[in-house]
Structures are given as structure tokens and as C-alpha cells.
């Protein structure tokens, strides 16, 4: 199915919805992300879905469970459901695909995002406030994602 690409600003990233869970019967989502150096979501767990990362550009560091590994263009990393994980963009910028089944992750992104004014990264919002962290945590819980720790590089 060919449709126009949809661009969203999700936190400090640019997301392009390549395949929406709404388009097929297996509820698969393929989201393309772009982010700046240092981008790292909080350590989190997906309760209902595996998350597959396929790196298109840049260098990344991943934490999956207690293991850390690095990846670059062409590498694919699986974060199984129920396992703590996060990543950090280690190069000037990064671009990757996330592939998930069901719909919770895509719906979470849509709930937290706004329509992108341009096809460029949004202006940086800087370090999140305590209120922003609490709002993100509450919203993530609604979509089966548990925030369990700080972003990679901010862990004690």
C-alpha cells in the first residue's frame, strides 16, 4: 500500500511513520527515527512487544538487560519484551528503524508527538523537567511501557 509519509516530532526526535499498525492485519509498525548525538530514552521495558532496531546511519550504544553493545549502519538489535533496554546515539546524529508488533509503541509515539512542522529535527528541548519525566512515565504506562531507570549515560 502506497501512502504519503507522516512525520512527527516525538520528544527530540523526528519520526516518519513508514508502516502503521493500521495498514495490515498483524498490526506491525515500522517507524523511522532521526536524532542528535546523545539522544537516549530512559531505561524501559515493553510489557507486550519486542522492539527491533535496525540502524540506518550513525553509531549507537545499546543496553539490553545487563549487556551493553555497540552498533552501526546495517546492524539490527532485538530488545525482547520484558527486558530492560535503552540506546544512546554516539555519533553526531543517528537514523534507525523500529519495528514492533501490535500497536502500543506506535500509539505511544503518536500520543506523545506533534505533527512535524518541517522534515528536520525539532528544536532541542534540553534536559527534561521533573514534570516532563512524570508525564512521560504516566503516558508510557498507558501503552504497556514501564520506565525503570535513567537514560544511558546518566545511570549511577
Protein backbone atom coordinates (compact mmCIF):
# COMPACT_ATOMS: atom_id res chain seq x y z
CA UNK A 1 0.00 0.00 0.00
CA UNK A 2 1.49 3.33 -1.02
CA UNK A 3 0.57 6.33 1.09
CA UNK A 4 2.15 9.67 1.89
CA UNK A 5 4.73 9.59 4.68
CA UNK A 6 3.65 11.03 8.02
CA UNK A 7 6.25 12.99 10.00
CA UNK A 8 6.07 13.56 13.76
CA UNK A 9 8.19 15.31 16.36
CA UNK A 10 8.47 12.81 19.22
CA UNK A 11 10.37 14.32 22.15
CA UNK A 12 13.65 15.49 20.50
CA UNK A 13 13.43 13.10 17.53
CA UNK A 14 11.93 13.19 14.06
CA UNK A 15 9.77 10.14 13.33
CA UNK A 16 8.49 9.07 9.94
CA UNK A 17 5.69 6.51 10.04
CA UNK A 18 6.76 4.11 7.27
CA UNK A 19 4.16 1.41 8.06
CA UNK A 20 1.34 2.00 10.52
CA UNK A 21 -0.20 -0.84 12.51
CA UNK A 22 -3.48 0.33 10.98
CA UNK A 23 -2.43 -0.81 7.50
CA UNK A 24 -2.09 -4.57 7.95
CA UNK A 25 -3.80 -7.36 9.80
CA UNK A 26 -0.79 -8.26 12.01
CA UNK A 27 -0.56 -4.72 13.48
CA UNK A 28 3.11 -4.28 12.58
CA UNK A 29 4.63 -0.79 12.84
CA UNK A 30 7.77 0.43 11.12
CA UNK A 31 8.89 3.84 12.35
CA UNK A 32 11.98 5.66 11.09
CA UNK A 33 13.67 7.87 13.69
CA UNK A 34 16.33 10.55 13.44
CA UNK A 35 18.08 12.02 16.49
CA UNK A 36 21.04 14.09 17.63
CA UNK A 37 24.18 12.92 19.41
CA UNK A 38 23.38 11.92 22.99
CA UNK A 39 19.73 11.06 22.41
CA UNK A 40 18.79 8.32 24.87
CA UNK A 41 15.37 7.37 26.21
CA UNK A 42 15.01 6.32 29.83
CA UNK A 43 15.75 2.68 30.58
CA UNK A 44 12.42 0.96 29.95
CA UNK A 45 10.58 -2.31 29.44
CA UNK A 46 7.94 -3.12 26.83
CA UNK A 47 5.41 -5.39 28.51
CA UNK A 48 3.58 -6.50 25.35
CA UNK A 49 6.00 -6.39 22.43
CA UNK A 50 9.52 -7.00 21.22
CA UNK A 51 11.30 -3.95 19.78
CA UNK A 52 13.63 -4.35 16.81
CA UNK A 53 16.15 -1.60 16.00
CA UNK A 54 17.71 -1.51 12.53
CA UNK A 55 20.41 1.16 12.25
CA UNK A 56 20.46 3.15 9.00
CA UNK A 57 23.09 5.78 9.90
CA UNK A 58 25.29 6.61 12.86
CA UNK A 59 26.85 4.84 15.83
CA UNK A 60 24.81 3.63 18.78
CA UNK A 61 25.35 2.08 22.18
CA UNK A 62 22.62 -0.25 23.43
CA UNK A 63 21.86 -1.66 26.83
CA UNK A 64 19.72 -4.79 26.63
CA UNK A 65 19.25 -6.31 30.08
CA UNK A 66 22.67 -6.11 31.76
CA UNK A 67 24.60 -6.30 28.48
CA UNK A 68 25.94 -3.33 26.53
CA UNK A 69 26.88 -3.41 22.86
CA UNK A 70 27.66 -1.00 20.07
CA UNK A 71 26.15 -0.91 16.61
CA UNK A 72 26.36 0.99 13.36
CA UNK A 73 24.74 1.20 9.94
CA UNK A 74 23.38 -2.17 8.88
CA UNK A 75 23.23 -3.65 12.39
CA UNK A 76 19.99 -4.96 13.86
CA UNK A 77 19.33 -5.26 17.59
CA UNK A 78 16.44 -7.02 19.34
CA UNK A 79 15.08 -5.80 22.66
CA UNK A 80 12.76 -8.65 23.74
CA UNK A 81 9.56 -7.80 25.59
CA UNK A 82 10.04 -7.91 29.32
CA UNK A 83 13.75 -6.97 29.11
CA UNK A 84 15.08 -3.57 30.24
CA UNK A 85 16.68 -1.64 27.41
CA UNK A 86 17.73 1.71 26.05
CA UNK A 87 20.14 3.14 23.50
CA UNK A 88 22.30 6.22 23.07
CA UNK A 89 23.30 7.93 19.80
CA UNK A 90 27.11 8.12 19.98
CA UNK A 91 27.77 9.85 16.61
CA UNK A 92 26.81 13.36 15.51
CA UNK A 93 23.39 12.00 14.63
CA UNK A 94 21.63 8.74 14.01
CA UNK A 95 18.86 7.28 11.96
CA UNK A 96 17.17 3.93 12.59
CA UNK A 97 14.01 1.92 12.12
CA UNK A 98 11.99 0.49 14.97
CA UNK A 99 9.78 -2.46 14.17
CA UNK A 100 7.13 -3.61 16.62
CA UNK A 101 4.04 -5.80 16.51
CA UNK A 102 0.67 -4.96 18.00
CA UNK A 103 0.12 -1.24 18.34
CA UNK A 104 1.19 0.02 21.74
CA UNK A 105 4.55 1.53 20.74
CA UNK A 106 3.23 3.37 17.70
CA UNK A 107 0.22 4.61 19.69
CA UNK A 108 2.56 5.80 22.47
CA UNK A 109 4.68 7.73 19.95
CA UNK A 110 1.55 9.31 18.47
CA UNK A 111 0.20 10.22 21.92
CA UNK A 112 3.45 11.98 22.88
CA UNK A 113 4.20 13.52 19.46
CA UNK A 114 3.07 16.51 17.50
CA UNK A 115 2.91 16.92 13.75
CA UNK A 116 6.36 17.91 12.45
CA UNK A 117 6.48 21.49 11.19
CA UNK A 118 9.42 20.50 8.95
CA UNK A 119 11.19 17.29 7.97
CA UNK A 120 14.04 18.24 10.26
CA UNK A 121 14.76 17.51 13.90
CA UNK A 122 12.67 19.57 16.31
CA UNK A 123 14.37 22.27 18.35
CA UNK A 124 16.12 20.65 21.31
CA UNK A 125 14.05 20.80 24.47
CA UNK A 126 17.08 20.38 26.73
CA UNK A 127 17.10 18.23 29.87
CA UNK A 128 13.58 17.18 30.88
CA UNK A 129 11.95 18.72 33.90
CA UNK A 130 10.65 16.53 36.72
CA UNK A 131 7.12 17.26 35.50
CA UNK A 132 8.03 16.14 31.95
CA UNK A 133 9.55 12.90 33.30
CA UNK A 134 6.42 12.20 35.32
CA UNK A 135 4.16 12.89 32.33
CA UNK A 136 6.27 10.61 30.10
CA UNK A 137 6.16 7.86 32.74
CA UNK A 138 2.37 8.10 33.08
CA UNK A 139 1.83 8.09 29.31
CA UNK A 140 4.22 5.17 28.79
CA UNK A 141 2.34 3.11 31.39
CA UNK A 142 -0.90 3.61 29.44
CA UNK A 143 0.76 1.87 26.47
CA UNK A 144 2.44 -1.04 28.27
CA UNK A 145 5.87 0.56 28.69
CA UNK A 146 7.47 0.75 32.14
CA UNK A 147 10.14 3.39 32.79
CA UNK A 148 12.64 1.69 35.10
CA UNK A 149 15.73 3.93 35.06
CA UNK A 150 17.50 6.93 33.59
CA UNK A 151 18.82 7.32 30.03
CA UNK A 152 22.10 5.64 29.08
CA UNK A 153 24.99 7.78 30.24
CA UNK A 154 23.01 9.14 33.20
CA UNK A 155 22.92 5.88 35.11
CA UNK A 156 24.58 5.85 38.50
